[in-house]
């Protein structure tokens, strides 16, 4: 089945090249290509793509600001950041906002296609340099955060499944524990993280990179 794409890229030459490249592949169809994200809500609402390729550095508003707008319209739309930036702040802002992949513009066309295919299959593709930065940062932050909040190994396992969107029933089944035991773990997690519900816990986990 052909995947409908929308591209937000302010570099006209690169934008046109991406359109040509992707439209020449029968698996993809570019339904729109735009130089900024100023009308992202209107564009996404009208075109309803399955995948968005999103630059970060664009006029007036950066691409990261469009991520929650797109996900609010349809959380099932995949978003792949396609950018020249390798700095940690932009990487983590993108991922915490809901981006599904982060690919550098210096990536070869073949690897770009591989990344798009991976994200459609549910993966989270990143350029090797980005992946190393993410893993290094998350390992360091995770160790500090788990010590700070005194999370047990079981609570970390529960949290990992919670941030994937799993229900209490599914988490209990996956970890082979009783439903009420799982609820008890979640209550303890909320107390330790100083939050009131699952959504607040997930937000804190992502913001502070508490678990891997």
N, C-alpha and C. Protein backbone atom coordinates (compact mmCIF):
# COMPACT_ATOMS: atom_id res chain seq x y z
N UNK A 1 0.84 -1.19 0.00
CA UNK A 1 0.00 0.00 0.00
C UNK A 1 0.88 1.25 0.00
N UNK A 2 0.52 2.23 -0.79
CA UNK A 2 1.29 3.45 -0.91
C UNK A 2 1.10 4.35 0.32
N UNK A 3 2.20 4.84 0.86
CA UNK A 3 2.15 5.74 2.01
C UNK A 3 2.13 7.18 1.54
N UNK A 4 1.13 7.93 1.99
CA UNK A 4 1.01 9.34 1.64
C UNK A 4 1.94 10.16 2.54
N UNK A 5 2.73 11.04 1.93
CA UNK A 5 3.71 11.85 2.68
C UNK A 5 3.47 13.34 2.52
N UNK A 6 3.82 14.08 3.58
CA UNK A 6 3.89 15.53 3.52
C UNK A 6 5.28 15.92 3.98
N UNK A 7 5.89 16.88 3.29
CA UNK A 7 7.24 17.33 3.60
C UNK A 7 7.22 18.80 4.02
N UNK A 8 7.91 19.11 5.13
CA UNK A 8 8.12 20.50 5.53
C UNK A 8 9.62 20.75 5.51
N UNK A 9 10.06 21.51 4.55
CA UNK A 9 11.50 21.77 4.35
C UNK A 9 11.66 23.12 3.67
N UNK A 10 12.42 24.05 4.30
CA UNK A 10 12.51 25.40 3.74
C UNK A 10 13.51 25.53 2.60
N UNK A 11 14.45 24.58 2.48
CA UNK A 11 15.40 24.60 1.37
C UNK A 11 14.69 24.09 0.11
N UNK A 12 14.43 25.01 -0.82
CA UNK A 12 13.64 24.65 -2.00
C UNK A 12 14.28 23.55 -2.83
N UNK A 13 15.59 23.62 -3.03
CA UNK A 13 16.25 22.60 -3.84
C UNK A 13 16.14 21.22 -3.18
N UNK A 14 16.38 21.16 -1.89
CA UNK A 14 16.29 19.89 -1.17
C UNK A 14 14.85 19.40 -1.13
N UNK A 15 13.93 20.33 -0.93
CA UNK A 15 12.50 19.97 -0.89
C UNK A 15 12.08 19.34 -2.21
N UNK A 16 12.46 19.95 -3.32
CA UNK A 16 12.10 19.42 -4.63
C UNK A 16 12.77 18.08 -4.91
N UNK A 17 14.01 17.95 -4.43
CA UNK A 17 14.74 16.69 -4.61
C UNK A 17 14.05 15.55 -3.86
N UNK A 18 13.60 15.85 -2.64
CA UNK A 18 12.90 14.84 -1.84
C UNK A 18 11.59 14.42 -2.51
N UNK A 19 10.88 15.39 -3.05
CA UNK A 19 9.62 15.10 -3.74
C UNK A 19 9.87 14.17 -4.92
N UNK A 20 10.86 14.51 -5.74
CA UNK A 20 11.19 13.69 -6.91
C UNK A 20 11.64 12.30 -6.50
N UNK A 21 12.52 12.24 -5.51
CA UNK A 21 13.06 10.95 -5.03
C UNK A 21 11.95 10.04 -4.52
N UNK A 22 11.09 10.57 -3.69
CA UNK A 22 10.04 9.76 -3.07
C UNK A 22 8.93 9.39 -4.04
N UNK A 23 8.59 10.29 -4.93
CA UNK A 23 7.53 10.00 -5.91
C UNK A 23 7.97 8.97 -6.95
N UNK A 24 9.27 8.78 -7.06
CA UNK A 24 9.78 7.77 -8.00
C UNK A 24 9.76 6.37 -7.39
N UNK A 25 9.36 6.28 -6.13
CA UNK A 25 9.23 4.99 -5.47
C UNK A 25 7.75 4.67 -5.31
N UNK A 26 7.33 3.52 -5.78
CA UNK A 26 5.91 3.16 -5.76
C UNK A 26 5.33 3.02 -4.36
N UNK A 27 6.19 2.95 -3.35
CA UNK A 27 5.70 2.80 -1.98
C UNK A 27 5.28 4.13 -1.37
N UNK A 28 5.64 5.24 -2.04
CA UNK A 28 5.36 6.56 -1.45
C UNK A 28 4.71 7.50 -2.47
N UNK A 29 3.93 8.42 -1.92
CA UNK A 29 3.31 9.46 -2.74
C UNK A 29 3.31 10.76 -1.94
N UNK A 30 4.04 11.76 -2.43
CA UNK A 30 4.11 13.05 -1.74
C UNK A 30 2.88 13.87 -2.13
N UNK A 31 2.03 14.13 -1.15
CA UNK A 31 0.79 14.87 -1.42
C UNK A 31 0.93 16.36 -1.13
N UNK A 32 2.06 16.75 -0.53
CA UNK A 32 2.29 18.16 -0.26
C UNK A 32 3.70 18.40 0.22
N UNK A 33 4.30 19.54 -0.19
CA UNK A 33 5.65 19.91 0.23
C UNK A 33 5.65 21.41 0.50
N UNK A 34 6.08 21.80 1.69
CA UNK A 34 5.91 23.18 2.12
C UNK A 34 7.18 23.74 2.75
N UNK A 35 7.41 25.07 2.60
CA UNK A 35 8.65 25.70 3.07
C UNK A 35 8.64 26.08 4.55
N UNK A 36 7.50 25.94 5.23
CA UNK A 36 7.41 26.28 6.65
C UNK A 36 6.24 25.53 7.28
N UNK A 37 6.09 25.68 8.60
CA UNK A 37 5.03 24.96 9.32
C UNK A 37 3.95 25.91 9.83
N UNK A 38 3.89 27.10 9.29
CA UNK A 38 2.95 28.10 9.77
C UNK A 38 1.49 27.66 9.62
N UNK A 39 1.21 26.86 8.60
CA UNK A 39 -0.15 26.35 8.39
C UNK A 39 -0.20 24.83 8.55
N UNK A 40 0.66 24.32 9.41
CA UNK A 40 0.77 22.86 9.58
C UNK A 40 -0.56 22.23 9.99
N UNK A 41 -1.26 22.86 10.92
CA UNK A 41 -2.54 22.30 11.39
C UNK A 41 -3.54 22.18 10.25
N UNK A 42 -3.66 23.23 9.47
CA UNK A 42 -4.59 23.24 8.33
C UNK A 42 -4.17 22.21 7.28
N UNK A 43 -2.88 22.14 6.99
CA UNK A 43 -2.36 21.23 5.96
C UNK A 43 -2.58 19.77 6.36
N UNK A 44 -2.21 19.43 7.59
CA UNK A 44 -2.34 18.05 8.05
C UNK A 44 -3.80 17.64 8.16
N UNK A 45 -4.64 18.55 8.62
CA UNK A 45 -6.07 18.25 8.74
C UNK A 45 -6.69 17.94 7.39
N UNK A 46 -6.22 18.66 6.36
CA UNK A 46 -6.76 18.47 5.02
C UNK A 46 -6.18 17.25 4.32
N UNK A 47 -4.86 17.07 4.39
CA UNK A 47 -4.21 16.02 3.62
C UNK A 47 -4.15 14.67 4.32
N UNK A 48 -4.14 14.67 5.63
CA UNK A 48 -4.12 13.44 6.43
C UNK A 48 -3.07 12.43 5.93
N UNK A 49 -1.82 12.82 5.94
CA UNK A 49 -0.77 11.89 5.46
C UNK A 49 -0.53 10.77 6.47
N UNK A 50 0.15 9.73 6.01
CA UNK A 50 0.53 8.67 6.92
C UNK A 50 1.88 8.95 7.55
N UNK A 51 2.66 9.84 6.88
CA UNK A 51 4.02 10.12 7.34
C UNK A 51 4.39 11.56 7.01
N UNK A 52 5.12 12.20 7.91
CA UNK A 52 5.58 13.57 7.70
C UNK A 52 7.10 13.62 7.84
N UNK A 53 7.76 14.21 6.87
CA UNK A 53 9.19 14.48 6.97
C UNK A 53 9.32 15.95 7.36
N UNK A 54 9.99 16.19 8.48
CA UNK A 54 9.94 17.51 9.10
C UNK A 54 11.34 18.06 9.39
N UNK A 55 11.63 19.21 8.80
CA UNK A 55 12.89 19.91 9.08
C UNK A 55 12.73 20.65 10.41
N UNK A 56 13.83 21.00 11.05
CA UNK A 56 13.75 21.75 12.31
C UNK A 56 13.89 23.24 12.07
N UNK A 57 14.95 23.65 11.38
CA UNK A 57 15.27 25.07 11.20
C UNK A 57 14.49 25.65 10.03
N UNK A 58 13.34 26.30 10.35
CA UNK A 58 12.51 26.91 9.32
C UNK A 58 12.08 28.31 9.74
N UNK A 59 11.62 29.13 8.81
CA UNK A 59 11.26 30.52 9.12
C UNK A 59 10.13 30.64 10.16
N UNK A 60 10.27 31.60 11.05
CA UNK A 60 9.27 31.99 12.05
C UNK A 60 9.10 30.93 13.14
N UNK A 61 8.69 29.71 12.77
CA UNK A 61 8.51 28.63 13.74
C UNK A 61 9.39 27.45 13.36
N UNK A 62 10.01 26.84 14.36
CA UNK A 62 10.82 25.67 14.04
C UNK A 62 9.93 24.44 13.91
N UNK A 63 10.49 23.41 13.28
CA UNK A 63 9.71 22.21 13.02
C UNK A 63 9.24 21.50 14.27
N UNK A 64 10.02 21.59 15.35
CA UNK A 64 9.65 20.90 16.59
C UNK A 64 8.30 21.39 17.10
N UNK A 65 8.01 22.67 16.90
CA UNK A 65 6.73 23.23 17.37
C UNK A 65 5.53 22.60 16.67
N UNK A 66 5.76 22.00 15.50
CA UNK A 66 4.66 21.41 14.74
C UNK A 66 4.35 19.97 15.17
N UNK A 67 5.28 19.34 15.89
CA UNK A 67 5.09 17.93 16.26
C UNK A 67 3.82 17.72 17.07
N UNK A 68 3.62 18.43 18.21
CA UNK A 68 2.39 18.22 18.97
C UNK A 68 1.12 18.59 18.20
N UNK A 69 1.24 19.56 17.29
CA UNK A 69 0.09 19.95 16.47
C UNK A 69 -0.33 18.78 15.58
N UNK A 70 0.65 18.14 14.95
CA UNK A 70 0.39 17.01 14.06
C UNK A 70 -0.15 15.82 14.84
N UNK A 71 0.47 15.52 15.97
CA UNK A 71 0.06 14.37 16.78
C UNK A 71 -1.33 14.57 17.39
N UNK A 72 -1.69 15.82 17.65
CA UNK A 72 -3.02 16.12 18.18
C UNK A 72 -4.09 15.80 17.14
N UNK A 73 -3.80 16.10 15.88
CA UNK A 73 -4.74 15.81 14.80
C UNK A 73 -4.89 14.31 14.61
N UNK A 74 -3.75 13.61 14.60
CA UNK A 74 -3.78 12.16 14.44
C UNK A 74 -2.49 11.57 15.02
N UNK A 75 -2.57 10.96 16.20
CA UNK A 75 -1.36 10.39 16.82
C UNK A 75 -0.74 9.25 16.03
N UNK A 76 -1.48 8.73 15.04
CA UNK A 76 -0.96 7.63 14.23
C UNK A 76 -0.08 8.10 13.08
N UNK A 77 -0.02 9.40 12.85
CA UNK A 77 0.86 9.93 11.80
C UNK A 77 2.30 9.82 12.26
N UNK A 78 3.13 9.21 11.44
CA UNK A 78 4.56 9.08 11.77
C UNK A 78 5.28 10.37 11.41
N UNK A 79 6.19 10.79 12.28
CA UNK A 79 6.96 12.01 12.04
C UNK A 79 8.46 11.68 12.09
N UNK A 80 9.15 11.96 11.00
CA UNK A 80 10.60 11.75 10.94
C UNK A 80 11.27 13.12 10.80
N UNK A 81 12.08 13.48 11.78
CA UNK A 81 12.83 14.72 11.70
C UNK A 81 13.97 14.51 10.69
N UNK A 82 14.13 15.46 9.79
CA UNK A 82 15.15 15.37 8.75
C UNK A 82 15.93 16.67 8.81
N UNK A 83 17.10 16.65 9.45
CA UNK A 83 17.74 17.90 9.83
C UNK A 83 19.25 17.80 9.81
N UNK A 84 19.91 18.95 9.89
CA UNK A 84 21.36 18.99 9.95
C UNK A 84 21.85 19.05 11.39
N UNK A 85 20.94 19.25 12.34
CA UNK A 85 21.33 19.45 13.73
C UNK A 85 21.63 18.15 14.46
N UNK A 86 22.77 18.16 15.17
CA UNK A 86 23.17 17.00 15.97
C UNK A 86 23.24 17.31 17.46
N UNK A 87 22.86 18.54 17.85
CA UNK A 87 23.01 18.90 19.26
C UNK A 87 21.91 18.27 20.12
N UNK A 88 22.28 17.93 21.35
CA UNK A 88 21.42 17.18 22.25
C UNK A 88 20.08 17.86 22.49
N UNK A 89 20.09 19.18 22.66
CA UNK A 89 18.87 19.89 23.02
C UNK A 89 17.78 19.72 21.98
N UNK A 90 18.14 19.86 20.71
CA UNK A 90 17.14 19.71 19.65
C UNK A 90 16.71 18.26 19.48
N UNK A 91 17.64 17.33 19.67
CA UNK A 91 17.30 15.91 19.57
C UNK A 91 16.25 15.56 20.61
N UNK A 92 16.50 15.92 21.86
CA UNK A 92 15.60 15.53 22.93
C UNK A 92 14.29 16.30 22.92
N UNK A 93 14.34 17.56 22.48
CA UNK A 93 13.08 18.31 22.32
C UNK A 93 12.20 17.61 21.29
N UNK A 94 12.81 17.15 20.21
CA UNK A 94 12.06 16.47 19.15
C UNK A 94 11.47 15.15 19.64
N UNK A 95 12.29 14.34 20.30
CA UNK A 95 11.83 13.04 20.75
C UNK A 95 10.77 13.16 21.84
N UNK A 96 10.97 14.09 22.77
CA UNK A 96 9.99 14.27 23.84
C UNK A 96 8.68 14.84 23.31
N UNK A 97 8.76 15.60 22.23
CA UNK A 97 7.54 16.16 21.63
C UNK A 97 6.74 15.10 20.89
N UNK A 98 7.39 13.97 20.54
CA UNK A 98 6.66 12.89 19.89
C UNK A 98 7.19 12.45 18.54
N UNK A 99 8.37 12.94 18.13
CA UNK A 99 8.93 12.50 16.84
C UNK A 99 9.22 11.01 16.87
N UNK A 100 9.02 10.35 15.74
CA UNK A 100 9.20 8.90 15.65
C UNK A 100 10.58 8.50 15.13
N UNK A 101 11.33 9.45 14.60
CA UNK A 101 12.66 9.17 14.09
C UNK A 101 13.43 10.47 13.92
N UNK A 102 14.76 10.38 13.83
CA UNK A 102 15.59 11.57 13.74
C UNK A 102 16.75 11.25 12.81
N UNK A 103 16.68 11.77 11.59
CA UNK A 103 17.65 11.44 10.55
C UNK A 103 18.39 12.70 10.10
N UNK A 104 19.70 12.59 9.98
CA UNK A 104 20.49 13.73 9.52
C UNK A 104 20.43 13.87 8.00
N UNK A 105 20.51 15.09 7.53
CA UNK A 105 20.42 15.34 6.09
C UNK A 105 21.60 14.77 5.31
N UNK A 106 22.71 14.56 5.98
CA UNK A 106 23.86 13.97 5.30
C UNK A 106 23.69 12.46 5.09
N UNK A 107 22.59 11.90 5.61
CA UNK A 107 22.28 10.48 5.41
C UNK A 107 22.04 10.20 3.94
N UNK A 108 22.51 9.08 3.45
CA UNK A 108 22.33 8.72 2.03
C UNK A 108 20.86 8.45 1.73
N UNK A 109 20.44 8.64 0.47
CA UNK A 109 19.05 8.35 0.08
C UNK A 109 18.61 6.94 0.45
N UNK A 110 19.49 5.96 0.29
CA UNK A 110 19.14 4.58 0.63
C UNK A 110 18.81 4.46 2.11
N UNK A 111 19.64 5.08 2.95
CA UNK A 111 19.40 5.00 4.40
C UNK A 111 18.15 5.78 4.79
N UNK A 112 17.84 6.83 4.05
CA UNK A 112 16.60 7.57 4.30
C UNK A 112 15.40 6.68 4.02
N UNK A 113 15.43 5.98 2.90
CA UNK A 113 14.33 5.06 2.57
C UNK A 113 14.23 3.95 3.62
N UNK A 114 15.37 3.44 4.05
CA UNK A 114 15.36 2.41 5.09
C UNK A 114 14.74 2.93 6.38
N UNK A 115 15.04 4.19 6.71
CA UNK A 115 14.51 4.80 7.92
C UNK A 115 12.99 4.98 7.82
N UNK A 116 12.52 5.41 6.67
CA UNK A 116 11.07 5.58 6.47
C UNK A 116 10.35 4.24 6.58
N UNK A 117 10.94 3.22 5.99
CA UNK A 117 10.36 1.89 6.07
C UNK A 117 10.32 1.39 7.52
N UNK A 118 11.40 1.67 8.24
CA UNK A 118 11.49 1.23 9.63
C UNK A 118 10.44 1.90 10.50
N UNK A 119 10.25 3.20 10.31
CA UNK A 119 9.30 3.92 11.15
C UNK A 119 7.86 3.47 10.87
N UNK A 120 7.57 3.16 9.62
CA UNK A 120 6.24 2.67 9.25
C UNK A 120 5.95 1.32 9.91
N UNK A 121 7.01 0.55 10.11
CA UNK A 121 6.87 -0.77 10.74
C UNK A 121 6.88 -0.68 12.27
N UNK A 122 6.95 0.55 12.78
CA UNK A 122 6.89 0.72 14.23
C UNK A 122 8.22 0.95 14.89
N UNK A 123 9.30 1.08 14.11
CA UNK A 123 10.61 1.32 14.68
C UNK A 123 10.84 2.80 14.96
N UNK A 124 12.02 3.11 15.50
CA UNK A 124 12.38 4.49 15.81
C UNK A 124 13.76 4.77 15.23
N UNK A 125 13.85 4.96 13.92
CA UNK A 125 15.15 5.11 13.26
C UNK A 125 15.87 6.40 13.63
N UNK A 126 17.18 6.26 13.77
CA UNK A 126 18.03 7.42 14.02
C UNK A 126 19.35 7.21 13.28
N UNK A 127 19.94 8.30 12.84
CA UNK A 127 21.28 8.21 12.26
C UNK A 127 22.22 7.69 13.34
N UNK A 128 23.24 6.91 12.97
CA UNK A 128 24.15 6.33 13.97
C UNK A 128 24.71 7.34 14.96
N UNK A 129 25.10 8.51 14.48
CA UNK A 129 25.67 9.53 15.38
C UNK A 129 24.64 9.98 16.41
N UNK A 130 23.39 10.10 15.97
CA UNK A 130 22.31 10.52 16.87
C UNK A 130 22.02 9.43 17.89
N UNK A 131 21.96 8.19 17.43
CA UNK A 131 21.68 7.06 18.32
C UNK A 131 22.70 7.00 19.46
N UNK A 132 23.98 7.23 19.13
CA UNK A 132 25.03 7.19 20.15
C UNK A 132 24.81 8.29 21.19
N UNK A 133 24.45 9.48 20.72
CA UNK A 133 24.20 10.59 21.64
C UNK A 133 23.02 10.28 22.56
N UNK A 134 21.96 9.76 21.97
CA UNK A 134 20.75 9.45 22.74
C UNK A 134 21.04 8.41 23.80
N UNK A 135 21.69 7.33 23.40
CA UNK A 135 21.98 6.24 24.34
C UNK A 135 22.89 6.71 25.47
N UNK A 136 23.93 7.44 25.13
CA UNK A 136 24.87 7.92 26.14
C UNK A 136 24.17 8.83 27.14
N UNK A 137 23.36 9.74 26.63
CA UNK A 137 22.67 10.67 27.51
C UNK A 137 21.64 9.98 28.38
N UNK A 138 20.87 9.05 27.76
CA UNK A 138 19.83 8.36 28.52
C UNK A 138 20.44 7.45 29.58
N UNK A 139 21.54 6.80 29.27
CA UNK A 139 22.17 5.93 30.26
C UNK A 139 22.58 6.74 31.49
N UNK A 140 23.23 7.87 31.27
CA UNK A 140 23.70 8.71 32.37
C UNK A 140 22.52 9.28 33.16
N UNK A 141 21.55 9.84 32.45
CA UNK A 141 20.40 10.46 33.11
C UNK A 141 19.55 9.42 33.82
N UNK A 142 19.41 8.25 33.20
CA UNK A 142 18.58 7.20 33.79
C UNK A 142 19.16 6.73 35.12
N UNK A 143 20.46 6.53 35.17
CA UNK A 143 21.07 6.07 36.42
C UNK A 143 20.86 7.10 37.53
N UNK A 144 21.06 8.38 37.21
CA UNK A 144 20.89 9.43 38.22
C UNK A 144 19.44 9.52 38.68
N UNK A 145 18.50 9.42 37.72
CA UNK A 145 17.09 9.59 38.05
C UNK A 145 16.55 8.43 38.87
N UNK A 146 16.94 7.20 38.51
CA UNK A 146 16.43 6.04 39.26
C UNK A 146 16.94 6.06 40.70
N UNK A 147 18.17 6.54 40.90
CA UNK A 147 18.70 6.69 42.26
C UNK A 147 17.95 7.79 42.99
N UNK A 148 17.72 8.90 42.31
CA UNK A 148 17.03 10.04 42.91
C UNK A 148 15.63 9.67 43.39
N UNK A 149 14.90 8.91 42.58
CA UNK A 149 13.51 8.58 42.93
C UNK A 149 13.36 7.21 43.60
N UNK A 150 14.49 6.52 43.83
CA UNK A 150 14.49 5.24 44.54
C UNK A 150 13.55 4.21 43.90
N UNK A 151 13.58 4.14 42.60
CA UNK A 151 12.73 3.18 41.89
C UNK A 151 13.33 1.78 41.95
N UNK A 152 12.46 0.79 42.18
CA UNK A 152 12.92 -0.59 42.19
C UNK A 152 13.00 -1.12 40.76
N UNK A 153 13.64 -2.28 40.60
CA UNK A 153 13.75 -2.89 39.28
C UNK A 153 12.36 -3.17 38.70
N UNK A 154 11.44 -3.69 39.54
CA UNK A 154 10.09 -3.98 39.06
C UNK A 154 9.36 -2.70 38.67
N UNK A 155 9.54 -1.64 39.44
CA UNK A 155 8.88 -0.38 39.11
C UNK A 155 9.40 0.18 37.79
N UNK A 156 10.68 0.01 37.52
CA UNK A 156 11.25 0.45 36.25
C UNK A 156 10.65 -0.35 35.09
N UNK A 157 10.48 -1.68 35.30
CA UNK A 157 9.86 -2.52 34.28
C UNK A 157 8.43 -2.06 33.98
N UNK A 158 7.69 -1.73 35.04
CA UNK A 158 6.31 -1.24 34.88
C UNK A 158 6.31 0.08 34.13
N UNK A 159 7.23 0.98 34.48
CA UNK A 159 7.32 2.29 33.83
C UNK A 159 7.63 2.17 32.35
N UNK A 160 8.53 1.27 32.00
CA UNK A 160 8.90 1.10 30.60
C UNK A 160 7.69 0.71 29.76
N UNK A 161 6.83 -0.14 30.30
CA UNK A 161 5.63 -0.56 29.58
C UNK A 161 4.58 0.55 29.58
N UNK A 162 4.52 1.30 30.68
CA UNK A 162 3.55 2.40 30.77
C UNK A 162 3.81 3.45 29.71
N UNK A 163 5.10 3.82 29.50
CA UNK A 163 5.41 4.86 28.53
C UNK A 163 5.22 4.39 27.09
N UNK A 164 5.04 3.07 26.92
CA UNK A 164 4.71 2.53 25.59
C UNK A 164 3.21 2.56 25.33
N UNK A 165 2.45 3.00 26.35
CA UNK A 165 1.00 3.10 26.19
C UNK A 165 0.25 1.85 26.60
N UNK A 166 0.92 0.94 27.31
CA UNK A 166 0.27 -0.32 27.71
C UNK A 166 -0.70 -0.10 28.86
N UNK A 167 -1.77 -0.87 28.87
CA UNK A 167 -2.77 -0.78 29.95
C UNK A 167 -2.27 -1.52 31.18
N UNK A 168 -2.92 -1.28 32.33
CA UNK A 168 -2.54 -1.96 33.56
C UNK A 168 -2.69 -3.47 33.38
N UNK A 169 -3.77 -3.87 32.74
CA UNK A 169 -4.02 -5.30 32.51
C UNK A 169 -2.91 -5.92 31.67
N UNK A 170 -2.50 -5.21 30.61
CA UNK A 170 -1.44 -5.74 29.74
C UNK A 170 -0.12 -5.81 30.48
N UNK A 171 0.20 -4.76 31.25
CA UNK A 171 1.46 -4.74 32.00
C UNK A 171 1.52 -5.91 32.97
N UNK A 172 0.41 -6.13 33.68
CA UNK A 172 0.35 -7.24 34.64
C UNK A 172 0.59 -8.57 33.94
N UNK A 173 -0.04 -8.75 32.78
CA UNK A 173 0.12 -9.99 32.03
C UNK A 173 1.54 -10.15 31.51
N UNK A 174 2.11 -9.07 30.99
CA UNK A 174 3.44 -9.11 30.41
C UNK A 174 4.51 -9.43 31.47
N UNK A 175 4.29 -8.93 32.69
CA UNK A 175 5.26 -9.14 33.76
C UNK A 175 4.90 -10.33 34.65
N UNK A 176 3.81 -11.01 34.30
CA UNK A 176 3.35 -12.20 35.05
C UNK A 176 3.12 -11.88 36.53
N UNK A 177 2.42 -10.76 36.76
CA UNK A 177 2.05 -10.38 38.13
C UNK A 177 0.54 -10.15 38.18
N UNK A 178 -0.01 -10.16 39.37
CA UNK A 178 -1.45 -9.94 39.54
C UNK A 178 -1.83 -8.50 39.18
N UNK A 179 -3.05 -8.34 38.73
CA UNK A 179 -3.55 -7.01 38.35
C UNK A 179 -3.42 -6.02 39.51
N UNK A 180 -3.84 -6.42 40.71
CA UNK A 180 -3.77 -5.54 41.87
C UNK A 180 -2.33 -5.23 42.26
N UNK A 181 -1.44 -6.20 42.05
CA UNK A 181 -0.02 -5.97 42.33
C UNK A 181 0.52 -4.90 41.39
N UNK A 182 0.11 -4.97 40.14
CA UNK A 182 0.53 -3.96 39.15
C UNK A 182 0.01 -2.58 39.54
N UNK A 183 -1.24 -2.52 39.96
CA UNK A 183 -1.81 -1.24 40.40
C UNK A 183 -1.05 -0.69 41.60
N UNK A 184 -0.64 -1.59 42.48
CA UNK A 184 0.12 -1.18 43.66
C UNK A 184 1.47 -0.59 43.25
N UNK A 185 2.12 -1.24 42.27
CA UNK A 185 3.40 -0.71 41.77
C UNK A 185 3.21 0.68 41.17
N UNK A 186 2.13 0.87 40.42
CA UNK A 186 1.86 2.17 39.80
C UNK A 186 1.62 3.24 40.86
N UNK A 187 0.90 2.90 41.91
CA UNK A 187 0.65 3.86 42.99
C UNK A 187 1.96 4.27 43.64
N UNK A 188 2.83 3.28 43.86
CA UNK A 188 4.14 3.58 44.46
C UNK A 188 4.97 4.47 43.54
N UNK A 189 4.90 4.19 42.23
CA UNK A 189 5.62 5.00 41.25
C UNK A 189 5.13 6.44 41.28
N UNK A 190 3.81 6.64 41.31
CA UNK A 190 3.25 7.99 41.33
C UNK A 190 3.72 8.75 42.57
N UNK A 191 3.75 8.07 43.71
CA UNK A 191 4.20 8.70 44.95
C UNK A 191 5.66 9.11 44.85
N UNK A 192 6.51 8.19 44.34
CA UNK A 192 7.93 8.46 44.25
C UNK A 192 8.26 9.57 43.24
N UNK A 193 7.49 9.61 42.16
CA UNK A 193 7.73 10.63 41.13
C UNK A 193 7.01 11.95 41.43
N UNK A 194 6.19 11.94 42.47
CA UNK A 194 5.41 13.13 42.85
C UNK A 194 4.45 13.55 41.75
N UNK A 195 3.71 12.58 41.21
CA UNK A 195 2.70 12.83 40.18
C UNK A 195 1.38 12.20 40.62
N UNK A 196 0.32 12.51 39.88
CA UNK A 196 -1.01 12.04 40.28
C UNK A 196 -1.61 10.99 39.36
N UNK A 197 -1.02 10.80 38.17
CA UNK A 197 -1.61 9.85 37.23
C UNK A 197 -0.57 9.38 36.22
N UNK A 198 -1.00 8.45 35.36
CA UNK A 198 -0.11 7.88 34.37
C UNK A 198 0.43 8.90 33.39
N UNK A 199 -0.42 9.83 32.93
CA UNK A 199 0.02 10.83 31.96
C UNK A 199 1.11 11.72 32.54
N UNK A 200 0.94 12.11 33.81
CA UNK A 200 1.94 12.94 34.46
C UNK A 200 3.24 12.17 34.64
N UNK A 201 3.12 10.88 34.95
CA UNK A 201 4.31 10.04 35.12
C UNK A 201 5.08 9.92 33.82
N UNK A 202 4.36 9.69 32.72
CA UNK A 202 5.00 9.57 31.41
C UNK A 202 5.71 10.86 31.03
N UNK A 203 5.05 11.99 31.27
CA UNK A 203 5.65 13.29 30.95
C UNK A 203 6.95 13.51 31.74
N UNK A 204 6.92 13.11 33.00
CA UNK A 204 8.12 13.29 33.83
C UNK A 204 9.23 12.35 33.41
N UNK A 205 8.87 11.13 33.07
CA UNK A 205 9.85 10.15 32.62
C UNK A 205 10.57 10.64 31.37
N UNK A 206 9.80 11.16 30.40
CA UNK A 206 10.38 11.65 29.16
C UNK A 206 11.21 12.91 29.39
N UNK A 207 10.71 13.81 30.25
CA UNK A 207 11.42 15.06 30.47
C UNK A 207 12.75 14.85 31.19
N UNK A 208 12.76 13.89 32.13
CA UNK A 208 13.97 13.68 32.94
C UNK A 208 14.75 12.43 32.51
N UNK A 209 14.24 11.75 31.46
CA UNK A 209 14.90 10.55 30.94
C UNK A 209 15.16 9.55 32.07
N UNK A 210 14.09 9.22 32.80
CA UNK A 210 14.21 8.43 34.02
C UNK A 210 14.49 6.96 33.74
N UNK A 211 13.93 6.40 32.68
CA UNK A 211 14.20 5.00 32.37
C UNK A 211 14.59 4.86 30.91
N UNK A 212 15.29 3.77 30.57
CA UNK A 212 15.70 3.50 29.20
C UNK A 212 14.59 2.78 28.47
